[in-house]
C-alpha cells in the first residue's frame, strides 16, 4: 500500500513539474513573439537606433566596442557616430575627425525582406564626408550587422542590435 501511495505522489510531482516547464516555455515563446513584433514595427516605421557592440575591420580581427556608438535612423535623417579601424587612403585634415561621423538628410534607401525573415536595407549617401553606402542587415530578433563602404577607406563591418529611439 505504501508503494502505491509513493508512486502516486511521484506521479503527481512529475505532472506538476511538467506543467510548470510547459508554462515557462510558453512565456518564453510569448516574449520572443513580442520582440519580433517590436522589431517589425520599428523597421516598418523607419525609426530606430543601431547600437554597435563589435567592429570588424577588413584588416584585423573583431574589436569589442566599450563606448556608446550608434547610427540613428529615421525616414528623413541618418546620424552616424561610429569609430573607424582600418586603412585610410587619405588622412583627414582635422585629426579629431577620424571616425564615421555625419548627419545626412539627402540619401536614398531600399528595404527588402530577407528570405528567412529579417530585412536588408541599403543606404546611399550623396552629401557625407567620404561615406558612400551603408548596408544594414536586421534579423527578426533585432540583432543586426552594418557594413560601411567609404570612398577613401577600407570597408568596415559592425555587429550590434537595433532599439527604439529615445
C-alpha atoms as a PDB file:
ATOM      1  CA  UNK A   1       0.000   0.000   0.000  1.00  0.00           C
ATOM      2  CA  UNK A   2       2.840   2.398   0.864  1.00  0.00           C
ATOM      3  CA  UNK A   3       4.433   1.744  -2.522  1.00  0.00           C
ATOM      4  CA  UNK A   4       1.235   2.693  -4.340  1.00  0.00           C
ATOM      5  CA  UNK A   5       0.938   5.937  -2.358  1.00  0.00           C
ATOM      6  CA  UNK A   6       4.612   6.757  -3.040  1.00  0.00           C
ATOM      7  CA  UNK A   7       4.119   6.025  -6.733  1.00  0.00           C
ATOM      8  CA  UNK A   8       1.025   8.250  -6.860  1.00  0.00           C
ATOM      9  CA  UNK A   9       2.906  11.098  -5.121  1.00  0.00           C
ATOM     10  CA  UNK A  10       5.826  10.769  -7.540  1.00  0.00           C
ATOM     11  CA  UNK A  11       3.435  10.797 -10.498  1.00  0.00           C
ATOM     12  CA  UNK A  12       1.715  13.926  -9.160  1.00  0.00           C
ATOM     13  CA  UNK A  13       5.078  15.668  -8.686  1.00  0.00           C
ATOM     14  CA  UNK A  14       6.163  14.709 -12.204  1.00  0.00           C
ATOM     15  CA  UNK A  15       2.925  16.088 -13.661  1.00  0.00           C
ATOM     16  CA  UNK A  16       3.295  19.351 -11.727  1.00  0.00           C
ATOM     17  CA  UNK A  17       6.928  19.789 -12.850  1.00  0.00           C
ATOM     18  CA  UNK A  18       5.968  19.041 -16.437  1.00  0.00           C
ATOM     19  CA  UNK A  19       3.140  21.600 -16.402  1.00  0.00           C
ATOM     20  CA  UNK A  20       5.461  24.191 -14.848  1.00  0.00           C
ATOM     21  CA  UNK A  21       8.014  23.625 -17.634  1.00  0.00           C
ATOM     22  CA  UNK A  22       5.313  23.993 -20.295  1.00  0.00           C
ATOM     23  CA  UNK A  23       4.137  27.271 -18.742  1.00  0.00           C
ATOM     24  CA  UNK A  24       7.693  28.645 -18.695  1.00  0.00           C
ATOM     25  CA  UNK A  25       8.215  27.582 -22.303  1.00  0.00           C
ATOM     26  CA  UNK A  26       5.006  29.355 -23.328  1.00  0.00           C
ATOM     27  CA  UNK A  27       6.107  32.574 -21.579  1.00  0.00           C
ATOM     28  CA  UNK A  28       9.445  32.437 -23.367  1.00  0.00           C
ATOM     29  CA  UNK A  29       7.724  31.999 -26.733  1.00  0.00           C
ATOM     30  CA  UNK A  30       5.416  34.922 -25.955  1.00  0.00           C
ATOM     31  CA  UNK A  31       8.420  37.161 -25.118  1.00  0.00           C
ATOM     32  CA  UNK A  32      10.138  36.138 -28.364  1.00  0.00           C
ATOM     33  CA  UNK A  33       6.989  36.822 -30.405  1.00  0.00           C
ATOM     34  CA  UNK A  34       6.628  40.247 -28.764  1.00  0.00           C
ATOM     35  CA  UNK A  35      10.255  41.095 -29.557  1.00  0.00           C
ATOM     36  CA  UNK A  36       9.814  40.048 -33.191  1.00  0.00           C
ATOM     37  CA  UNK A  37       6.665  42.213 -33.439  1.00  0.00           C
ATOM     38  CA  UNK A  38       8.500  45.197 -31.882  1.00  0.00           C
ATOM     39  CA  UNK A  39      11.406  44.869 -34.325  1.00  0.00           C
ATOM     40  CA  UNK A  40       8.999  44.618 -37.257  1.00  0.00           C
ATOM     41  CA  UNK A  41       7.154  47.726 -36.075  1.00  0.00           C
ATOM     42  CA  UNK A  42      10.406  49.739 -35.739  1.00  0.00           C
ATOM     43  CA  UNK A  43      11.695  48.697 -39.160  1.00  0.00           C
ATOM     44  CA  UNK A  44       8.368  49.377 -40.884  1.00  0.00           C
ATOM     45  CA  UNK A  45       8.190  52.828 -39.241  1.00  0.00           C
ATOM     46  CA  UNK A  46      11.801  53.569 -40.312  1.00  0.00           C
ATOM     47  CA  UNK A  47      12.579  54.858 -36.826  1.00  0.00           C
ATOM     48  CA  UNK A  48      15.224  53.035 -34.779  1.00  0.00           C
ATOM     49  CA  UNK A  49      18.794  53.153 -33.499  1.00  0.00           C
ATOM     50  CA  UNK A  50      21.535  50.689 -34.404  1.00  0.00           C
ATOM     51  CA  UNK A  51      23.840  50.193 -31.381  1.00  0.00           C
ATOM     52  CA  UNK A  52      27.271  48.816 -32.320  1.00  0.00           C
ATOM     53  CA  UNK A  53      28.885  46.249 -29.984  1.00  0.00           C
ATOM     54  CA  UNK A  54      31.714  44.984 -32.196  1.00  0.00           C
ATOM     55  CA  UNK A  55      33.748  46.385 -35.085  1.00  0.00           C
ATOM     56  CA  UNK A  56      35.257  44.077 -37.678  1.00  0.00           C
ATOM     57  CA  UNK A  57      37.697  45.926 -39.932  1.00  0.00           C
ATOM     58  CA  UNK A  58      38.713  44.456 -43.276  1.00  0.00           C
ATOM     59  CA  UNK A  59      42.273  44.002 -41.998  1.00  0.00           C
ATOM     60  CA  UNK A  60      42.297  42.581 -38.498  1.00  0.00           C
ATOM     61  CA  UNK A  61      40.102  40.834 -36.014  1.00  0.00           C
ATOM     62  CA  UNK A  62      36.932  41.598 -34.113  1.00  0.00           C
ATOM     63  CA  UNK A  63      37.155  44.643 -31.803  1.00  0.00           C
ATOM     64  CA  UNK A  64      34.896  44.867 -28.757  1.00  0.00           C
ATOM     65  CA  UNK A  65      33.473  48.402 -28.511  1.00  0.00           C
ATOM     66  CA  UNK A  66      33.265  49.624 -24.936  1.00  0.00           C
ATOM     67  CA  UNK A  67      31.811  53.084 -25.653  1.00  0.00           C
ATOM     68  CA  UNK A  68      28.389  54.018 -26.992  1.00  0.00           C
ATOM     69  CA  UNK A  69      28.492  54.050 -30.800  1.00  0.00           C
ATOM     70  CA  UNK A  70      25.323  54.168 -32.862  1.00  0.00           C
ATOM     71  CA  UNK A  71      23.512  55.113 -36.041  1.00  0.00           C
ATOM     72  CA  UNK A  72      20.167  56.886 -35.596  1.00  0.00           C
ATOM     73  CA  UNK A  73      17.785  56.222 -38.465  1.00  0.00           C
ATOM     74  CA  UNK A  74      14.527  57.950 -39.322  1.00  0.00           C
ATOM     75  CA  UNK A  75      12.651  58.478 -42.577  1.00  0.00           C
ATOM     76  CA  UNK A  76      14.419  61.740 -43.414  1.00  0.00           C
ATOM     77  CA  UNK A  77      17.685  61.703 -41.411  1.00  0.00           C
ATOM     78  CA  UNK A  78      20.605  59.374 -40.719  1.00  0.00           C
ATOM     79  CA  UNK A  79      23.014  60.349 -37.925  1.00  0.00           C
ATOM     80  CA  UNK A  80      26.135  58.190 -37.633  1.00  0.00           C
ATOM     81  CA  UNK A  81      28.588  58.160 -34.749  1.00  0.00           C
ATOM     82  CA  UNK A  82      30.911  55.185 -35.257  1.00  0.00           C
ATOM     83  CA  UNK A  83      34.634  54.536 -34.831  1.00  0.00           C
ATOM     84  CA  UNK A  84      36.874  53.530 -37.717  1.00  0.00           C
ATOM     85  CA  UNK A  85      39.600  50.906 -37.648  1.00  0.00           C
ATOM     86  CA  UNK A  86      41.429  50.091 -40.829  1.00  0.00           C
ATOM     87  CA  UNK A  87      43.341  51.623 -43.684  1.00  0.00           C
ATOM     88  CA  UNK A  88      42.511  55.127 -44.824  1.00  0.00           C
ATOM     89  CA  UNK A  89      43.847  56.145 -48.228  1.00  0.00           C
ATOM     90  CA  UNK A  90      43.562  59.843 -47.447  1.00  0.00           C
ATOM     91  CA  UNK A  91      44.055  61.327 -43.986  1.00  0.00           C
ATOM     92  CA  UNK A  92      41.533  63.888 -42.718  1.00  0.00           C
ATOM     93  CA  UNK A  93      42.724  67.490 -42.265  1.00  0.00           C
ATOM     94  CA  UNK A  94      41.335  67.538 -38.722  1.00  0.00           C
ATOM     95  CA  UNK A  95      42.982  64.825 -36.592  1.00  0.00           C
ATOM     96  CA  UNK A  96      39.882  64.537 -34.374  1.00  0.00           C
ATOM     97  CA  UNK A  97      37.755  63.624 -37.386  1.00  0.00           C
ATOM     98  CA  UNK A  98      38.927  60.011 -37.655  1.00  0.00           C
ATOM     99  CA  UNK A  99      35.715  58.071 -37.193  1.00  0.00           C
ATOM    100  CA  UNK A 100      32.498  57.815 -39.172  1.00  0.00           C
ATOM    101  CA  UNK A 101      30.610  60.912 -38.027  1.00  0.00           C
ATOM    102  CA  UNK A 102      27.939  62.548 -40.156  1.00  0.00           C
ATOM    103  CA  UNK A 103      24.358  63.722 -40.368  1.00  0.00           C
ATOM    104  CA  UNK A 104      22.640  63.212 -43.715  1.00  0.00           C
ATOM    105  CA  UNK A 105      19.241  64.306 -44.961  1.00  0.00           C
ATOM    106  CA  UNK A 106      19.882  63.590 -48.641  1.00  0.00           C
ATOM    107  CA  UNK A 107      20.063  59.858 -49.122  1.00  0.00           C
ATOM    108  CA  UNK A 108      18.214  57.056 -50.829  1.00  0.00           C
ATOM    109  CA  UNK A 109      17.459  53.703 -49.318  1.00  0.00           C
ATOM    110  CA  UNK A 110      15.909  50.426 -50.330  1.00  0.00           C
ATOM    111  CA  UNK A 111      14.407  47.938 -47.900  1.00  0.00           C
ATOM    112  CA  UNK A 112      13.760  44.304 -48.777  1.00  0.00           C
ATOM    113  CA  UNK A 113      12.602  41.413 -46.619  1.00  0.00           C
ATOM    114  CA  UNK A 114      15.056  38.540 -46.259  1.00  0.00           C
ATOM    115  CA  UNK A 115      14.274  35.014 -47.396  1.00  0.00           C
ATOM    116  CA  UNK A 116      14.450  33.629 -43.856  1.00  0.00           C
ATOM    117  CA  UNK A 117      12.959  36.678 -42.151  1.00  0.00           C
ATOM    118  CA  UNK A 118      14.620  39.943 -41.256  1.00  0.00           C
ATOM    119  CA  UNK A 119      15.400  42.889 -43.529  1.00  0.00           C
ATOM    120  CA  UNK A 120      18.177  44.081 -45.817  1.00  0.00           C
ATOM    121  CA  UNK A 121      18.441  47.873 -46.013  1.00  0.00           C
ATOM    122  CA  UNK A 122      20.812  49.749 -48.323  1.00  0.00           C
ATOM    123  CA  UNK A 123      21.517  53.456 -47.768  1.00  0.00           C
ATOM    124  CA  UNK A 124      23.270  55.515 -50.452  1.00  0.00           C
ATOM    125  CA  UNK A 125      24.552  58.944 -49.422  1.00  0.00           C
ATOM    126  CA  UNK A 126      25.348  61.986 -51.544  1.00  0.00           C
ATOM    127  CA  UNK A 127      26.457  64.659 -49.056  1.00  0.00           C
ATOM    128  CA  UNK A 128      28.623  62.879 -46.497  1.00  0.00           C
ATOM    129  CA  UNK A 129      32.362  63.131 -45.941  1.00  0.00           C
ATOM    130  CA  UNK A 130      33.506  60.030 -47.795  1.00  0.00           C
ATOM    131  CA  UNK A 131      30.832  57.571 -46.654  1.00  0.00           C
ATOM    132  CA  UNK A 132      29.244  56.193 -49.779  1.00  0.00           C
ATOM    133  CA  UNK A 133      26.960  53.337 -48.667  1.00  0.00           C
ATOM    134  CA  UNK A 134      25.715  51.581 -45.583  1.00  0.00           C
ATOM    135  CA  UNK A 135      24.261  48.095 -45.796  1.00  0.00           C
ATOM    136  CA  UNK A 136      22.202  47.120 -42.737  1.00  0.00           C
ATOM    137  CA  UNK A 137      21.055  43.541 -42.222  1.00  0.00           C
ATOM    138  CA  UNK A 138      18.488  43.184 -39.415  1.00  0.00           C
ATOM    139  CA  UNK A 139      17.330  39.828 -38.056  1.00  0.00           C
ATOM    140  CA  UNK A 140      13.840  39.133 -36.734  1.00  0.00           C
ATOM    141  CA  UNK A 141      15.205  39.189 -33.187  1.00  0.00           C
ATOM    142  CA  UNK A 142      16.728  42.677 -33.521  1.00  0.00           C
ATOM    143  CA  UNK A 143      20.358  41.684 -33.918  1.00  0.00           C
ATOM    144  CA  UNK A 144      21.960  43.470 -36.836  1.00  0.00           C
ATOM    145  CA  UNK A 145      25.069  43.796 -38.950  1.00  0.00           C
ATOM    146  CA  UNK A 146      26.125  47.092 -40.564  1.00  0.00           C
ATOM    147  CA  UNK A 147      28.673  47.354 -43.361  1.00  0.00           C
ATOM    148  CA  UNK A 148      30.021  50.825 -44.164  1.00  0.00           C
ATOM    149  CA  UNK A 149      31.666  51.491 -47.522  1.00  0.00           C
ATOM    150  CA  UNK A 150      33.685  54.680 -47.895  1.00  0.00           C
ATOM    151  CA  UNK A 151      35.443  56.382 -50.782  1.00  0.00           C
ATOM    152  CA  UNK A 152      38.870  56.776 -49.145  1.00  0.00           C
ATOM    153  CA  UNK A 153      38.829  53.922 -46.622  1.00  0.00           C
ATOM    154  CA  UNK A 154      38.605  50.148 -46.472  1.00  0.00           C
ATOM    155  CA  UNK A 155      35.117  48.785 -45.707  1.00  0.00           C
ATOM    156  CA  UNK A 156      34.274  48.031 -42.082  1.00  0.00           C
ATOM    157  CA  UNK A 157      31.513  45.928 -40.541  1.00  0.00           C
ATOM    158  CA  UNK A 158      29.790  46.453 -37.189  1.00  0.00           C
ATOM    159  CA  UNK A 159      27.767  43.925 -35.185  1.00  0.00           C
ATOM    160  CA  UNK A 160      25.060  45.044 -32.785  1.00  0.00           C
ATOM    161  CA  UNK A 161      21.329  45.371 -32.304  1.00  0.00           C
ATOM    162  CA  UNK A 162      18.515  47.799 -33.007  1.00  0.00           C
ATOM    163  CA  UNK A 163      16.381  49.513 -30.390  1.00  0.00           C
ATOM    164  CA  UNK A 164      13.693  52.148 -30.152  1.00  0.00           C
ATOM    165  CA  UNK A 165      14.701  55.792 -30.389  1.00  0.00           C
ATOM    166  CA  UNK A 166      14.532  57.615 -27.081  1.00  0.00           C
END
